[in-house]
Amino acid sequence: MNFSESAWQSAGPWFESILAHPFVLGLGDGSLAEGTFARYLVDDVHYLTGYARALAAIGSRAPDAEGIELFAGAAVGAIAAETRTHAAFLTPRGIELGSSELAEPSPTCCAYVGSLQATAAHDSVEVAIAAILPCFRVYAEVGRVLLTKRPGTDHPYRSWIDTYAAPEFDRVVRAVENYADRLAAANTNGRREEMAAAYAFSTRFEWMFWDSAWRAQGWPEPTASRHRKVRKIPPGVYAG
């Protein structure tokens, strides 16, 4: 069995938990509150910016021309997805990044992006690639599963489902996984174990990302002093 399928099988319990999460269930049947979806989308825009940076960093370290082209293209695709998300969902709802407290990324979003960017910068390129794989695979599988429920054209989240269930997205996922599989096959057992650990770590963050939107996770407020002025973390600060 190749690396990506082995890692995905190991992540099975987390993916089952994602499918059973009330956010994803509501996304599938259309009952998810619009405000909760908007909170998720704001985090997703912040996430995609940071994810694109991680992909670009991986591309710059890829060992061959194929890898450079693949991850540079994926980075461009992530930025394009951010732009589409903002135009299709956020702007019509009057939500502009940086305009309100809602626009501040959640702690989970910041932690996940920070983890991916640190791995892309400091770990081996094989481990860095393994860390970014779950995002690709989870979204492709969620889109596929939700599409099997046959959402109608009046489904409020149909366009979101169609985006991730699309054959075009699946082709990108398979290309990145195939590249990771070739690198894994050419490496040592020790390196493959490191890749598997990075994959598992990111898969947990995938569940946490949905959950943070569902719970409207925010930043804590200081309680020690009413008089000390505290500087808030600005949106996107983790992205450098």
C-alpha atoms as a PDB file:
ATOM      1  CA  MET A   1       0.000   0.000   0.000  1.00  0.00           C
ATOM      2  CA  ASN A   2       1.337   3.444  -0.867  1.00  0.00           C
ATOM      3  CA  PHE A   3       1.963   6.157   1.695  1.00  0.00           C
ATOM      4  CA  SER A   4      -1.077   8.354   1.077  1.00  0.00           C
ATOM      5  CA  GLU A   5      -3.568   5.487   1.290  1.00  0.00           C
ATOM      6  CA  SER A   6      -1.912   4.056   4.391  1.00  0.00           C
ATOM      7  CA  ALA A   7      -1.951   7.459   6.097  1.00  0.00           C
ATOM      8  CA  TRP A   8      -5.572   8.029   5.078  1.00  0.00           C
ATOM      9  CA  GLN A   9      -6.639   4.653   6.465  1.00  0.00           C
ATOM     10  CA  SER A  10      -4.942   5.484   9.755  1.00  0.00           C
ATOM     11  CA  ALA A  11      -6.847   8.780   9.792  1.00  0.00           C
ATOM     12  CA  GLY A  12     -10.161   6.949   9.354  1.00  0.00           C
ATOM     13  CA  PRO A  13     -11.482   7.543  12.892  1.00  0.00           C
ATOM     14  CA  TRP A  14     -10.840  11.276  12.560  1.00  0.00           C
ATOM     15  CA  PHE A  15     -12.588  11.429   9.200  1.00  0.00           C
ATOM     16  CA  GLU A  16     -15.570   9.564  10.631  1.00  0.00           C
ATOM     17  CA  SER A  17     -15.632  12.144  13.428  1.00  0.00           C
ATOM     18  CA  ILE A  18     -15.566  14.938  10.836  1.00  0.00           C
ATOM     19  CA  LEU A  19     -18.525  13.455   8.954  1.00  0.00           C
ATOM     20  CA  ALA A  20     -20.437  13.069  12.236  1.00  0.00           C
ATOM     21  CA  HIS A  21     -19.686  16.617  13.406  1.00  0.00           C
ATOM     22  CA  PRO A  22     -22.806  18.828  13.642  1.00  0.00           C
ATOM     23  CA  PHE A  23     -21.154  21.457  11.440  1.00  0.00           C
ATOM     24  CA  VAL A  24     -20.634  19.013   8.575  1.00  0.00           C
ATOM     25  CA  LEU A  25     -24.037  17.400   9.103  1.00  0.00           C
ATOM     26  CA  GLY A  26     -25.663  20.836   8.891  1.00  0.00           C
ATOM     27  CA  LEU A  27     -23.572  21.697   5.858  1.00  0.00           C
ATOM     28  CA  GLY A  28     -24.851  18.554   4.182  1.00  0.00           C
ATOM     29  CA  ASP A  29     -28.569  18.940   4.889  1.00  0.00           C
ATOM     30  CA  GLY A  30     -28.592  22.740   4.607  1.00  0.00           C
ATOM     31  CA  SER A  31     -29.583  23.374   8.225  1.00  0.00           C
ATOM     32  CA  LEU A  32     -26.275  24.995   9.218  1.00  0.00           C
ATOM     33  CA  ALA A  33     -26.857  28.533  10.494  1.00  0.00           C
ATOM     34  CA  GLU A  34     -25.618  31.168   8.068  1.00  0.00           C
ATOM     35  CA  GLY A  35     -23.723  32.958  10.836  1.00  0.00           C
ATOM     36  CA  THR A  36     -21.826  29.774  11.691  1.00  0.00           C
ATOM     37  CA  PHE A  37     -20.979  29.239   8.038  1.00  0.00           C
ATOM     38  CA  ALA A  38     -19.784  32.848   7.784  1.00  0.00           C
ATOM     39  CA  ARG A  39     -17.518  32.340  10.808  1.00  0.00           C
ATOM     40  CA  TYR A  40     -16.041  29.289   9.120  1.00  0.00           C
ATOM     41  CA  LEU A  41     -15.531  31.148   5.844  1.00  0.00           C
ATOM     42  CA  VAL A  42     -13.675  33.993   7.531  1.00  0.00           C
ATOM     43  CA  ASP A  43     -11.291  31.467   9.077  1.00  0.00           C
ATOM     44  CA  ASP A  44     -11.037  29.685   5.734  1.00  0.00           C
ATOM     45  CA  VAL A  45      -9.931  32.847   3.941  1.00  0.00           C
ATOM     46  CA  HIS A  46      -7.220  33.410   6.560  1.00  0.00           C
ATOM     47  CA  TYR A  47      -6.277  29.740   6.364  1.00  0.00           C
ATOM     48  CA  LEU A  48      -5.993  29.683   2.578  1.00  0.00           C
ATOM     49  CA  THR A  49      -3.602  32.636   2.644  1.00  0.00           C
ATOM     50  CA  GLY A  50      -1.325  30.831   5.077  1.00  0.00           C
ATOM     51  CA  TYR A  51      -1.768  27.499   3.305  1.00  0.00           C
ATOM     52  CA  ALA A  52      -0.696  29.095   0.030  1.00  0.00           C
ATOM     53  CA  ARG A  53       2.464  30.365   1.727  1.00  0.00           C
ATOM     54  CA  ALA A  54       3.234  26.861   2.987  1.00  0.00           C
ATOM     55  CA  LEU A  55       2.653  25.382  -0.476  1.00  0.00           C
ATOM     56  CA  ALA A  56       4.894  27.994  -2.072  1.00  0.00           C
ATOM     57  CA  ALA A  57       7.628  27.253   0.471  1.00  0.00           C
ATOM     58  CA  ILE A  58       7.379  23.546  -0.304  1.00  0.00           C
ATOM     59  CA  GLY A  59       7.577  24.287  -4.020  1.00  0.00           C
ATOM     60  CA  SER A  60      10.766  26.265  -3.500  1.00  0.00           C
ATOM     61  CA  ARG A  61      12.318  23.234  -1.781  1.00  0.00           C
ATOM     62  CA  ALA A  62      10.995  20.527  -4.099  1.00  0.00           C
ATOM     63  CA  PRO A  63      13.733  18.213  -5.412  1.00  0.00           C
ATOM     64  CA  ASP A  64      12.664  18.367  -9.057  1.00  0.00           C
ATOM     65  CA  ALA A  65      10.894  20.483 -11.652  1.00  0.00           C
ATOM     66  CA  GLU A  66       7.687  18.493 -11.313  1.00  0.00           C
ATOM     67  CA  GLY A  67       7.457  19.311  -7.621  1.00  0.00           C
ATOM     68  CA  ILE A  68       8.222  22.985  -8.169  1.00  0.00           C
ATOM     69  CA  GLU A  69       5.461  23.259 -10.761  1.00  0.00           C
ATOM     70  CA  LEU A  70       2.977  21.177  -8.760  1.00  0.00           C
ATOM     71  CA  PHE A  71       3.228  23.100  -5.500  1.00  0.00           C
ATOM     72  CA  ALA A  72       3.586  26.510  -7.094  1.00  0.00           C
ATOM     73  CA  GLY A  73       0.384  25.762  -8.988  1.00  0.00           C
ATOM     74  CA  ALA A  74      -1.326  24.567  -5.821  1.00  0.00           C
ATOM     75  CA  ALA A  75      -0.332  27.796  -4.059  1.00  0.00           C
ATOM     76  CA  VAL A  76      -1.855  29.855  -6.868  1.00  0.00           C
ATOM     77  CA  GLY A  77      -4.970  27.687  -6.654  1.00  0.00           C
ATOM     78  CA  ALA A  78      -5.301  28.337  -2.920  1.00  0.00           C
ATOM     79  CA  ILE A  79      -5.170  32.098  -3.468  1.00  0.00           C
ATOM     80  CA  ALA A  80      -7.735  31.801  -6.260  1.00  0.00           C
ATOM     81  CA  ALA A  81     -10.003  29.828  -3.918  1.00  0.00           C
ATOM     82  CA  GLU A  82      -9.650  32.565  -1.305  1.00  0.00           C
ATOM     83  CA  THR A  83     -10.711  35.188  -3.838  1.00  0.00           C
ATOM     84  CA  ARG A  84     -13.702  33.117  -4.961  1.00  0.00           C
ATOM     85  CA  THR A  85     -14.784  32.496  -1.378  1.00  0.00           C
ATOM     86  CA  HIS A  86     -14.650  36.172  -0.545  1.00  0.00           C
ATOM     87  CA  ALA A  87     -16.566  37.179  -3.673  1.00  0.00           C
ATOM     88  CA  ALA A  88     -19.174  34.418  -3.581  1.00  0.00           C
ATOM     89  CA  PHE A  89     -19.973  34.190   0.118  1.00  0.00           C
ATOM     90  CA  LEU A  90     -18.490  36.946   2.273  1.00  0.00           C
ATOM     91  CA  THR A  91     -19.001  40.133   0.268  1.00  0.00           C
ATOM     92  CA  PRO A  92     -22.733  39.451  -0.365  1.00  0.00           C
ATOM     93  CA  ARG A  93     -23.142  39.091   3.404  1.00  0.00           C
ATOM     94  CA  GLY A  94     -21.424  42.400   4.063  1.00  0.00           C
ATOM     95  CA  ILE A  95     -18.389  40.781   5.679  1.00  0.00           C
ATOM     96  CA  GLU A  96     -15.027  42.364   4.983  1.00  0.00           C
ATOM     97  CA  LEU A  97     -11.800  41.053   6.499  1.00  0.00           C
ATOM     98  CA  GLY A  98     -10.439  43.479   9.062  1.00  0.00           C
ATOM     99  CA  SER A  99     -13.770  45.234   9.529  1.00  0.00           C
ATOM    100  CA  SER A 100     -14.959  43.600  12.738  1.00  0.00           C
ATOM    101  CA  GLU A 101     -14.145  41.170  15.531  1.00  0.00           C
ATOM    102  CA  LEU A 102     -15.670  38.446  13.359  1.00  0.00           C
ATOM    103  CA  ALA A 103     -12.822  38.926  10.911  1.00  0.00           C
ATOM    104  CA  GLU A 104     -10.151  37.910  13.424  1.00  0.00           C
ATOM    105  CA  PRO A 105      -8.915  34.350  12.790  1.00  0.00           C
ATOM    106  CA  SER A 106      -9.648  31.844  15.529  1.00  0.00           C
ATOM    107  CA  PRO A 107      -6.914  30.396  17.753  1.00  0.00           C
ATOM    108  CA  THR A 108      -7.309  27.049  15.987  1.00  0.00           C
ATOM    109  CA  CYS A 109      -6.870  28.671  12.573  1.00  0.00           C
ATOM    110  CA  CYS A 110      -3.717  30.463  13.712  1.00  0.00           C
ATOM    111  CA  ALA A 111      -2.301  27.309  15.300  1.00  0.00           C
ATOM    112  CA  TYR A 112      -2.966  25.146  12.245  1.00  0.00           C
ATOM    113  CA  VAL A 113      -1.476  27.638   9.801  1.00  0.00           C
ATOM    114  CA  GLY A 114       1.495  28.224  12.077  1.00  0.00           C
ATOM    115  CA  SER A 115       2.127  24.484  12.245  1.00  0.00           C
ATOM    116  CA  LEU A 116       2.024  24.081   8.456  1.00  0.00           C
ATOM    117  CA  GLN A 117       4.293  27.046   7.826  1.00  0.00           C
ATOM    118  CA  ALA A 118       6.813  25.959  10.455  1.00  0.00           C
ATOM    119  CA  THR A 119       6.899  22.450   9.008  1.00  0.00           C
ATOM    120  CA  ALA A 120       7.315  23.798   5.468  1.00  0.00           C
ATOM    121  CA  ALA A 121      10.238  25.947   6.601  1.00  0.00           C
ATOM    122  CA  HIS A 122      12.102  23.688   9.003  1.00  0.00           C
ATOM    123  CA  ASP A 123      11.291  20.007   8.429  1.00  0.00           C
ATOM    124  CA  SER A 124      12.276  17.837   5.490  1.00  0.00           C
ATOM    125  CA  VAL A 125      10.351  18.509   2.302  1.00  0.00           C
ATOM    126  CA  GLU A 126       8.840  15.018   2.509  1.00  0.00           C
ATOM    127  CA  VAL A 127       7.442  15.708   5.989  1.00  0.00           C
ATOM    128  CA  ALA A 128       6.219  19.136   4.896  1.00  0.00           C
ATOM    129  CA  ILE A 129       4.314  17.585   1.997  1.00  0.00           C
ATOM    130  CA  ALA A 130       2.762  14.979   4.290  1.00  0.00           C
ATOM    131  CA  ALA A 131       1.548  17.758   6.585  1.00  0.00           C
ATOM    132  CA  ILE A 132      -0.391  19.537   3.833  1.00  0.00           C
ATOM    133  CA  LEU A 133      -2.022  16.386   2.409  1.00  0.00           C
ATOM    134  CA  PRO A 134      -4.945  16.003   4.855  1.00  0.00           C
ATOM    135  CA  CYS A 135      -6.471  19.336   3.873  1.00  0.00           C
ATOM    136  CA  PHE A 136      -6.625  18.212   0.253  1.00  0.00           C
ATOM    137  CA  ARG A 137      -8.002  14.747   0.987  1.00  0.00           C
ATOM    138  CA  VAL A 138     -10.473  15.704   3.716  1.00  0.00           C
ATOM    139  CA  TYR A 139     -12.156  18.349   1.576  1.00  0.00           C
ATOM    140  CA  ALA A 140     -12.346  16.085  -1.469  1.00  0.00           C
ATOM    141  CA  GLU A 141     -13.918  13.313   0.604  1.00  0.00           C
ATOM    142  CA  VAL A 142     -16.339  15.631   2.433  1.00  0.00           C
ATOM    143  CA  GLY A 143     -17.440  17.087  -0.894  1.00  0.00           C
ATOM    144  CA  ARG A 144     -17.911  13.614  -2.359  1.00  0.00           C
ATOM    145  CA  VAL A 145     -19.934  12.349   0.615  1.00  0.00           C
ATOM    146  CA  LEU A 146     -22.167  15.420   0.800  1.00  0.00           C
ATOM    147  CA  LEU A 147     -22.831  15.308  -2.940  1.00  0.00           C
ATOM    148  CA  THR A 148     -24.178  11.754  -2.593  1.00  0.00           C
ATOM    149  CA  LYS A 149     -26.987  13.232  -0.485  1.00  0.00           C
ATOM    150  CA  ARG A 150     -28.208  14.875  -3.708  1.00  0.00           C
ATOM    151  CA  PRO A 151     -28.534  18.481  -2.537  1.00  0.00           C
ATOM    152  CA  GLY A 152     -31.023  20.403  -4.677  1.00  0.00           C
ATOM    153  CA  THR A 153     -30.290  23.595  -6.559  1.00  0.00           C
ATOM    154  CA  ASP A 154     -31.955  25.540  -3.734  1.00  0.00           C
ATOM    155  CA  HIS A 155     -29.585  24.058  -1.133  1.00  0.00           C
ATOM    156  CA  PRO A 156     -27.874  27.047   0.555  1.00  0.00           C
ATOM    157  CA  TYR A 157     -24.437  25.426   0.444  1.00  0.00           C
ATOM    158  CA  ARG A 158     -24.700  23.624  -2.896  1.00  0.00           C
ATOM    159  CA  SER A 159     -21.992  25.711  -4.568  1.00  0.00           C
ATOM    160  CA  TRP A 160     -19.578  24.970  -1.707  1.00  0.00           C
ATOM    161  CA  ILE A 161     -20.275  21.239  -2.010  1.00  0.00           C
ATOM    162  CA  ASP A 162     -19.862  21.355  -5.787  1.00  0.00           C
ATOM    163  CA  THR A 163     -16.476  23.069  -5.443  1.00  0.00           C
ATOM    164  CA  TYR A 164     -14.918  20.254  -3.440  1.00  0.00           C
ATOM    165  CA  ALA A 165     -16.771  17.412  -5.168  1.00  0.00           C
ATOM    166  CA  ALA A 166     -15.587  18.624  -8.582  1.00  0.00           C
ATOM    167  CA  PRO A 167     -13.386  16.324 -10.696  1.00  0.00           C
ATOM    168  CA  GLU A 168     -10.951  19.223 -11.167  1.00  0.00           C
ATOM    169  CA  PHE A 169     -10.294  19.383  -7.431  1.00  0.00           C
ATOM    170  CA  ASP A 170      -9.958  15.616  -7.196  1.00  0.00           C
ATOM    171  CA  ARG A 171      -7.289  15.672  -9.920  1.00  0.00           C
ATOM    172  CA  VAL A 172      -5.206  18.132  -7.903  1.00  0.00           C
ATOM    173  CA  VAL A 173      -5.585  15.977  -4.794  1.00  0.00           C
ATOM    174  CA  ARG A 174      -4.447  12.857  -6.635  1.00  0.00           C
ATOM    175  CA  ALA A 175      -1.490  14.638  -8.214  1.00  0.00           C
ATOM    176  CA  VAL A 176      -0.214  15.859  -4.847  1.00  0.00           C
ATOM    177  CA  GLU A 177      -0.760  12.446  -3.247  1.00  0.00           C
ATOM    178  CA  ASN A 178       1.009  10.653  -6.098  1.00  0.00           C
ATOM    179  CA  TYR A 179       3.989  12.961  -5.737  1.00  0.00           C
ATOM    180  CA  ALA A 180       4.109  12.325  -1.985  1.00  0.00           C
ATOM    181  CA  ASP A 181       3.908   8.582  -2.607  1.00  0.00           C
ATOM    182  CA  ARG A 182       6.932   8.655  -4.911  1.00  0.00           C
ATOM    183  CA  LEU A 183       9.002  10.588  -2.369  1.00  0.00           C
ATOM    184  CA  ALA A 184       7.932   8.264   0.435  1.00  0.00           C
ATOM    185  CA  ALA A 185       8.817   5.152  -1.570  1.00  0.00           C
ATOM    186  CA  ALA A 186      12.323   6.491  -2.183  1.00  0.00           C
ATOM    187  CA  ASN A 187      12.959   7.231   1.498  1.00  0.00           C
ATOM    188  CA  THR A 188      13.804   5.339   4.660  1.00  0.00           C
ATOM    189  CA  ASN A 189      11.334   3.779   7.068  1.00  0.00           C
ATOM    190  CA  GLY A 190      12.292   6.433   9.581  1.00  0.00           C
ATOM    191  CA  ARG A 191      11.410   9.245   7.211  1.00  0.00           C
ATOM    192  CA  ARG A 192       8.109   7.581   6.305  1.00  0.00           C
ATOM    193  CA  GLU A 193       7.263   7.373  10.001  1.00  0.00           C
ATOM    194  CA  GLU A 194       7.931  11.101  10.313  1.00  0.00           C
ATOM    195  CA  MET A 195       5.660  11.713   7.332  1.00  0.00           C
ATOM    196  CA  ALA A 196       2.903   9.605   8.889  1.00  0.00           C
ATOM    197  CA  ALA A 197       3.171  11.536  12.156  1.00  0.00           C
ATOM    198  CA  ALA A 198       2.896  14.866  10.330  1.00  0.00           C
ATOM    199  CA  TYR A 199      -0.139  13.606   8.398  1.00  0.00           C
ATOM    200  CA  ALA A 200      -1.865  12.483  11.600  1.00  0.00           C
ATOM    201  CA  PHE A 201      -1.115  15.789  13.330  1.00  0.00           C
ATOM    202  CA  SER A 202      -2.706  17.812  10.522  1.00  0.00           C
ATOM    203  CA  THR A 203      -5.727  15.500  10.370  1.00  0.00           C
ATOM    204  CA  ARG A 204      -6.553  16.352  13.972  1.00  0.00           C
ATOM    205  CA  PHE A 205      -6.374  20.027  13.087  1.00  0.00           C
ATOM    206  CA  GLU A 206      -8.876  19.415  10.284  1.00  0.00           C
ATOM    207  CA  TRP A 207     -11.467  18.239  12.816  1.00  0.00           C
ATOM    208  CA  MET A 208     -10.594  21.128  15.124  1.00  0.00           C
ATOM    209  CA  PHE A 209     -11.104  23.630  12.301  1.00  0.00           C
ATOM    210  CA  TRP A 210     -14.730  22.576  11.788  1.00  0.00           C
ATOM    211  CA  ASP A 211     -15.293  22.449  15.531  1.00  0.00           C
ATOM    212  CA  SER A 212     -13.880  25.917  16.181  1.00  0.00           C
ATOM    213  CA  ALA A 213     -16.363  27.410  13.705  1.00  0.00           C
ATOM    214  CA  TRP A 214     -19.229  25.458  15.267  1.00  0.00           C
ATOM    215  CA  ARG A 215     -18.353  26.729  18.741  1.00  0.00           C
ATOM    216  CA  ALA A 216     -17.556  30.266  17.511  1.00  0.00           C
ATOM    217  CA  GLN A 217     -14.139  29.926  19.118  1.00  0.00           C
ATOM    218  CA  GLY A 218     -12.619  33.274  19.990  1.00  0.00           C
ATOM    219  CA  TRP A 219      -9.661  34.715  21.811  1.00  0.00           C
ATOM    220  CA  PRO A 220      -9.803  35.041  25.616  1.00  0.00           C
ATOM    221  CA  GLU A 221     -10.031  38.451  27.207  1.00  0.00           C
ATOM    222  CA  PRO A 222      -7.680  39.465  30.047  1.00  0.00           C
ATOM    223  CA  THR A 223      -9.182  39.397  33.536  1.00  0.00           C
ATOM    224  CA  ALA A 224      -6.227  40.427  35.715  1.00  0.00           C
ATOM    225  CA  SER A 225      -6.645  44.157  35.239  1.00  0.00           C
ATOM    226  CA  ARG A 226      -9.390  46.420  33.961  1.00  0.00           C
ATOM    227  CA  HIS A 227      -6.951  49.245  33.387  1.00  0.00           C
ATOM    228  CA  ARG A 228      -4.049  47.720  31.492  1.00  0.00           C
ATOM    229  CA  LYS A 229      -4.419  48.231  27.752  1.00  0.00           C
ATOM    230  CA  VAL A 230      -3.951  44.974  25.842  1.00  0.00           C
ATOM    231  CA  ARG A 231      -2.884  44.868  22.208  1.00  0.00           C
ATOM    232  CA  LYS A 232      -5.118  42.562  20.197  1.00  0.00           C
ATOM    233  CA  ILE A 233      -3.650  40.161  17.684  1.00  0.00           C
ATOM    234  CA  PRO A 234      -4.377  41.557  14.207  1.00  0.00           C
ATOM    235  CA  PRO A 235      -5.852  39.304  11.526  1.00  0.00           C
ATOM    236  CA  GLY A 236      -3.234  37.421   9.542  1.00  0.00           C
ATOM    237  CA  VAL A 237      -0.357  38.168  11.909  1.00  0.00           C
ATOM    238  CA  TYR A 238       0.716  34.519  11.880  1.00  0.00           C
ATOM    239  CA  ALA A 239       1.233  34.669   8.125  1.00  0.00           C
ATOM    240  CA  GLY A 240       4.277  36.905   8.386  1.00  0.00           C
END
